[in-house]
């Protein structure tokens, strides 16, 4: 996380030009979550595996 503005965290992966804006809410809408996973380059299964750590 490089910064946070309001309720959104801005994430950057070193070596990449893209940034990802993630809402910092208790619940995120299903479509928003799927879009964030897709934009991050992960699969849903990969995300679940990382989230379970």
PDB file of N, CA and C in Angstrom:
ATOM      1  N   UNK A   1       0.852  -1.166   0.000  1.00  0.00           N
ATOM      2  CA  UNK A   1       0.000   0.000   0.000  1.00  0.00           C
ATOM      3  C   UNK A   1       0.901   1.234   0.000  1.00  0.00           C
ATOM      4  N   UNK A   2       0.688   2.088  -0.965  1.00  0.00           N
ATOM      5  CA  UNK A   2       1.517   3.292  -1.014  1.00  0.00           C
ATOM      6  C   UNK A   2       0.819   4.495  -0.386  1.00  0.00           C
ATOM      7  N   UNK A   3      -0.523   4.462  -0.401  1.00  0.00           N
ATOM      8  CA  UNK A   3      -1.242   5.567   0.228  1.00  0.00           C
ATOM      9  C   UNK A   3      -2.696   5.180   0.413  1.00  0.00           C
ATOM     10  N   UNK A   4      -3.400   6.007   1.179  1.00  0.00           N
ATOM     11  CA  UNK A   4      -4.832   5.829   1.362  1.00  0.00           C
ATOM     12  C   UNK A   4      -5.484   7.193   1.323  1.00  0.00           C
ATOM     13  N   UNK A   5      -6.544   7.274   0.566  1.00  0.00           N
ATOM     14  CA  UNK A   5      -7.288   8.528   0.484  1.00  0.00           C
ATOM     15  C   UNK A   5      -8.740   8.202   0.778  1.00  0.00           C
ATOM     16  N   UNK A   6      -9.241   8.715   1.871  1.00  0.00           N
ATOM     17  CA  UNK A   6     -10.599   8.394   2.272  1.00  0.00           C
ATOM     18  C   UNK A   6     -10.711   6.915   2.580  1.00  0.00           C
ATOM     19  N   UNK A   7     -11.661   6.258   1.941  1.00  0.00           N
ATOM     20  CA  UNK A   7     -11.887   4.849   2.218  1.00  0.00           C
ATOM     21  C   UNK A   7     -11.291   3.939   1.147  1.00  0.00           C
ATOM     22  N   UNK A   8     -10.346   4.435   0.368  1.00  0.00           N
ATOM     23  CA  UNK A   8      -9.720   3.623  -0.667  1.00  0.00           C
ATOM     24  C   UNK A   8      -8.212   3.538  -0.471  1.00  0.00           C
ATOM     25  N   UNK A   9      -7.710   2.314  -0.513  1.00  0.00           N
ATOM     26  CA  UNK A   9      -6.265   2.072  -0.413  1.00  0.00           C
ATOM     27  C   UNK A   9      -5.715   1.941  -1.830  1.00  0.00           C
ATOM     28  N   UNK A  10      -4.574   2.531  -2.067  1.00  0.00           N
ATOM     29  CA  UNK A  10      -3.926   2.449  -3.368  1.00  0.00           C
ATOM     30  C   UNK A  10      -2.760   1.476  -3.233  1.00  0.00           C
ATOM     31  N   UNK A  11      -2.828   0.379  -4.001  1.00  0.00           N
ATOM     32  CA  UNK A  11      -1.815  -0.666  -3.945  1.00  0.00           C
ATOM     33  C   UNK A  11      -0.983  -0.646  -5.210  1.00  0.00           C
ATOM     34  N   UNK A  12       0.312  -0.907  -5.070  1.00  0.00           N
ATOM     35  CA  UNK A  12       1.227  -0.968  -6.203  1.00  0.00           C
ATOM     36  C   UNK A  12       2.122  -2.183  -6.016  1.00  0.00           C
ATOM     37  N   UNK A  13       2.377  -2.894  -7.096  1.00  0.00           N
ATOM     38  CA  UNK A  13       3.310  -4.016  -7.065  1.00  0.00           C
ATOM     39  C   UNK A  13       4.601  -3.544  -7.716  1.00  0.00           C
ATOM     40  N   UNK A  14       5.709  -3.715  -7.007  1.00  0.00           N
ATOM     41  CA  UNK A  14       6.988  -3.251  -7.547  1.00  0.00           C
ATOM     42  C   UNK A  14       7.272  -3.921  -8.879  1.00  0.00           C
ATOM     43  N   UNK A  15       7.812  -3.143  -9.799  1.00  0.00           N
ATOM     44  CA  UNK A  15       8.117  -3.652 -11.123  1.00  0.00           C
ATOM     45  C   UNK A  15       6.939  -3.560 -12.085  1.00  0.00           C
ATOM     46  N   UNK A  16       5.809  -3.080 -11.617  1.00  0.00           N
ATOM     47  CA  UNK A  16       4.616  -2.939 -12.448  1.00  0.00           C
ATOM     48  C   UNK A  16       4.231  -1.472 -12.522  1.00  0.00           C
ATOM     49  N   UNK A  17       3.648  -1.077 -13.631  1.00  0.00           N
ATOM     50  CA  UNK A  17       3.213   0.302 -13.792  1.00  0.00           C
ATOM     51  C   UNK A  17       1.788   0.508 -13.281  1.00  0.00           C
ATOM     52  N   UNK A  18       1.034  -0.570 -13.102  1.00  0.00           N
ATOM     53  CA  UNK A  18      -0.374  -0.465 -12.731  1.00  0.00           C
ATOM     54  C   UNK A  18      -0.554  -0.281 -11.229  1.00  0.00           C
ATOM     55  N   UNK A  19      -1.615   0.411 -10.869  1.00  0.00           N
ATOM     56  CA  UNK A  19      -2.010   0.547  -9.473  1.00  0.00           C
ATOM     57  C   UNK A  19      -3.402  -0.037  -9.323  1.00  0.00           C
ATOM     58  N   UNK A  20      -3.753  -0.369  -8.106  1.00  0.00           N
ATOM     59  CA  UNK A  20      -5.063  -0.945  -7.823  1.00  0.00           C
ATOM     60  C   UNK A  20      -5.673  -0.166  -6.674  1.00  0.00           C
ATOM     61  N   UNK A  21      -6.864   0.349  -6.876  1.00  0.00           N
ATOM     62  CA  UNK A  21      -7.578   1.091  -5.848  1.00  0.00           C
ATOM     63  C   UNK A  21      -8.583   0.145  -5.192  1.00  0.00           C
ATOM     64  N   UNK A  22      -8.371  -0.150  -3.907  1.00  0.00           N
ATOM     65  CA  UNK A  22      -9.200  -1.121  -3.194  1.00  0.00           C
ATOM     66  C   UNK A  22     -10.005  -0.404  -2.120  1.00  0.00           C
ATOM     67  N   UNK A  23     -11.326  -0.576  -2.122  1.00  0.00           N
ATOM     68  CA  UNK A  23     -12.137   0.055  -1.089  1.00  0.00           C
ATOM     69  C   UNK A  23     -11.879  -0.576   0.272  1.00  0.00           C
ATOM     70  N   UNK A  24     -11.758   0.243   1.289  1.00  0.00           N
ATOM     71  CA  UNK A  24     -11.521  -0.229   2.652  1.00  0.00           C
ATOM     72  C   UNK A  24     -12.853  -0.221   3.399  1.00  0.00           C
ATOM     73  N   UNK A  25     -13.729  -1.143   3.004  1.00  0.00           N
ATOM     74  CA  UNK A  25     -15.058  -1.259   3.589  1.00  0.00           C
ATOM     75  C   UNK A  25     -15.172  -2.605   4.292  1.00  0.00           C
ATOM     76  N   UNK A  26     -16.149  -2.735   5.201  1.00  0.00           N
ATOM     77  CA  UNK A  26     -16.378  -4.023   5.862  1.00  0.00           C
ATOM     78  C   UNK A  26     -16.799  -5.072   4.849  1.00  0.00           C
ATOM     79  N   UNK A  27     -17.627  -4.697   3.917  1.00  0.00           N
ATOM     80  CA  UNK A  27     -18.080  -5.591   2.856  1.00  0.00           C
ATOM     81  C   UNK A  27     -17.868  -4.924   1.511  1.00  0.00           C
ATOM     82  N   UNK A  28     -17.458  -5.730   0.535  1.00  0.00           N
ATOM     83  CA  UNK A  28     -17.256  -5.247  -0.830  1.00  0.00           C
ATOM     84  C   UNK A  28     -18.234  -6.015  -1.711  1.00  0.00           C
ATOM     85  N   UNK A  29     -18.877  -5.331  -2.629  1.00  0.00           N
ATOM     86  CA  UNK A  29     -19.832  -5.974  -3.527  1.00  0.00           C
ATOM     87  C   UNK A  29     -19.159  -7.093  -4.321  1.00  0.00           C
ATOM     88  N   UNK A  30     -19.917  -8.137  -4.614  1.00  0.00           N
ATOM     89  CA  UNK A  30     -19.387  -9.312  -5.297  1.00  0.00           C
ATOM     90  C   UNK A  30     -18.719  -8.948  -6.626  1.00  0.00           C
ATOM     91  N   UNK A  31     -19.380  -8.114  -7.417  1.00  0.00           N
ATOM     92  CA  UNK A  31     -18.827  -7.711  -8.712  1.00  0.00           C
ATOM     93  C   UNK A  31     -17.558  -6.889  -8.561  1.00  0.00           C
ATOM     94  N   UNK A  32     -17.515  -6.040  -7.543  1.00  0.00           N
ATOM     95  CA  UNK A  32     -16.321  -5.233  -7.280  1.00  0.00           C
ATOM     96  C   UNK A  32     -15.152  -6.133  -6.895  1.00  0.00           C
ATOM     97  N   UNK A  33     -15.412  -7.122  -6.041  1.00  0.00           N
ATOM     98  CA  UNK A  33     -14.362  -8.047  -5.629  1.00  0.00           C
ATOM     99  C   UNK A  33     -13.836  -8.839  -6.813  1.00  0.00           C
ATOM    100  N   UNK A  34     -14.732  -9.345  -7.651  1.00  0.00           N
ATOM    101  CA  UNK A  34     -14.289 -10.095  -8.836  1.00  0.00           C
ATOM    102  C   UNK A  34     -13.450  -9.215  -9.760  1.00  0.00           C
ATOM    103  N   UNK A  35     -13.850  -7.966  -9.924  1.00  0.00           N
ATOM    104  CA  UNK A  35     -13.102  -7.043 -10.773  1.00  0.00           C
ATOM    105  C   UNK A  35     -11.709  -6.775 -10.200  1.00  0.00           C
ATOM    106  N   UNK A  36     -11.624  -6.579  -8.884  1.00  0.00           N
ATOM    107  CA  UNK A  36     -10.329  -6.344  -8.248  1.00  0.00           C
ATOM    108  C   UNK A  36      -9.410  -7.546  -8.396  1.00  0.00           C
ATOM    109  N   UNK A  37      -9.970  -8.746  -8.221  1.00  0.00           N
ATOM    110  CA  UNK A  37      -9.172  -9.965  -8.377  1.00  0.00           C
ATOM    111  C   UNK A  37      -8.660 -10.065  -9.807  1.00  0.00           C
ATOM    112  N   UNK A  38      -9.539  -9.809 -10.779  1.00  0.00           N
ATOM    113  CA  UNK A  38      -9.150  -9.889 -12.187  1.00  0.00           C
ATOM    114  C   UNK A  38      -8.073  -8.854 -12.517  1.00  0.00           C
ATOM    115  N   UNK A  39      -8.231  -7.635 -12.036  1.00  0.00           N
ATOM    116  CA  UNK A  39      -7.254  -6.571 -12.308  1.00  0.00           C
ATOM    117  C   UNK A  39      -5.906  -6.852 -11.654  1.00  0.00           C
ATOM    118  N   UNK A  40      -5.909  -7.592 -10.551  1.00  0.00           N
ATOM    119  CA  UNK A  40      -4.664  -7.886  -9.858  1.00  0.00           C
ATOM    120  C   UNK A  40      -3.864  -8.981 -10.554  1.00  0.00           C
ATOM    121  N   UNK A  41      -4.492  -9.679 -11.500  1.00  0.00           N
ATOM    122  CA  UNK A  41      -3.799 -10.752 -12.205  1.00  0.00           C
ATOM    123  C   UNK A  41      -3.927 -12.098 -11.509  1.00  0.00           C
ATOM    124  N   UNK A  42      -4.722 -12.161 -10.450  1.00  0.00           N
ATOM    125  CA  UNK A  42      -4.938 -13.421  -9.741  1.00  0.00           C
ATOM    126  C   UNK A  42      -6.165 -14.138 -10.291  1.00  0.00           C
ATOM    127  N   UNK A  43      -6.261 -15.416  -9.972  1.00  0.00           N
ATOM    128  CA  UNK A  43      -7.491 -16.150 -10.209  1.00  0.00           C
ATOM    129  C   UNK A  43      -8.284 -16.120  -8.905  1.00  0.00           C
ATOM    130  N   UNK A  44      -9.565 -16.465  -8.979  1.00  0.00           N
ATOM    131  CA  UNK A  44     -10.375 -16.515  -7.756  1.00  0.00           C
ATOM    132  C   UNK A  44      -9.781 -17.530  -6.775  1.00  0.00           C
ATOM    133  N   UNK A  45      -9.312 -18.672  -7.297  1.00  0.00           N
ATOM    134  CA  UNK A  45      -8.722 -19.700  -6.445  1.00  0.00           C
ATOM    135  C   UNK A  45      -7.425 -19.199  -5.801  1.00  0.00           C
ATOM    136  N   UNK A  46      -6.620 -18.482  -6.574  1.00  0.00           N
ATOM    137  CA  UNK A  46      -5.381 -17.924  -6.038  1.00  0.00           C
ATOM    138  C   UNK A  46      -5.644 -16.900  -4.943  1.00  0.00           C
ATOM    139  N   UNK A  47      -6.680 -16.095  -5.144  1.00  0.00           N
ATOM    140  CA  UNK A  47      -7.059 -15.099  -4.142  1.00  0.00           C
ATOM    141  C   UNK A  47      -7.493 -15.783  -2.852  1.00  0.00           C
ATOM    142  N   UNK A  48      -8.339 -16.803  -2.975  1.00  0.00           N
ATOM    143  CA  UNK A  48      -8.823 -17.532  -1.797  1.00  0.00           C
ATOM    144  C   UNK A  48      -7.652 -18.154  -1.048  1.00  0.00           C
ATOM    145  N   UNK A  49      -6.709 -18.716  -1.784  1.00  0.00           N
ATOM    146  CA  UNK A  49      -5.533 -19.309  -1.144  1.00  0.00           C
ATOM    147  C   UNK A  49      -4.727 -18.275  -0.389  1.00  0.00           C
ATOM    148  N   UNK A  50      -4.545 -17.097  -0.971  1.00  0.00           N
ATOM    149  CA  UNK A  50      -3.789 -16.031  -0.289  1.00  0.00           C
ATOM    150  C   UNK A  50      -4.570 -15.445   0.880  1.00  0.00           C
ATOM    151  N   UNK A  51      -5.882 -15.352   0.734  1.00  0.00           N
ATOM    152  CA  UNK A  51      -6.707 -14.780   1.804  1.00  0.00           C
ATOM    153  C   UNK A  51      -6.760 -15.697   3.017  1.00  0.00           C
ATOM    154  N   UNK A  52      -6.553 -16.989   2.806  1.00  0.00           N
ATOM    155  CA  UNK A  52      -6.599 -17.950   3.894  1.00  0.00           C
ATOM    156  C   UNK A  52      -5.328 -18.009   4.711  1.00  0.00           C
ATOM    157  N   UNK A  53      -4.327 -17.259   4.342  1.00  0.00           N
ATOM    158  CA  UNK A  53      -3.052 -17.265   5.076  1.00  0.00           C
ATOM    159  C   UNK A  53      -3.206 -16.720   6.444  1.00  0.00           C
TER     160      UNK A  53
END
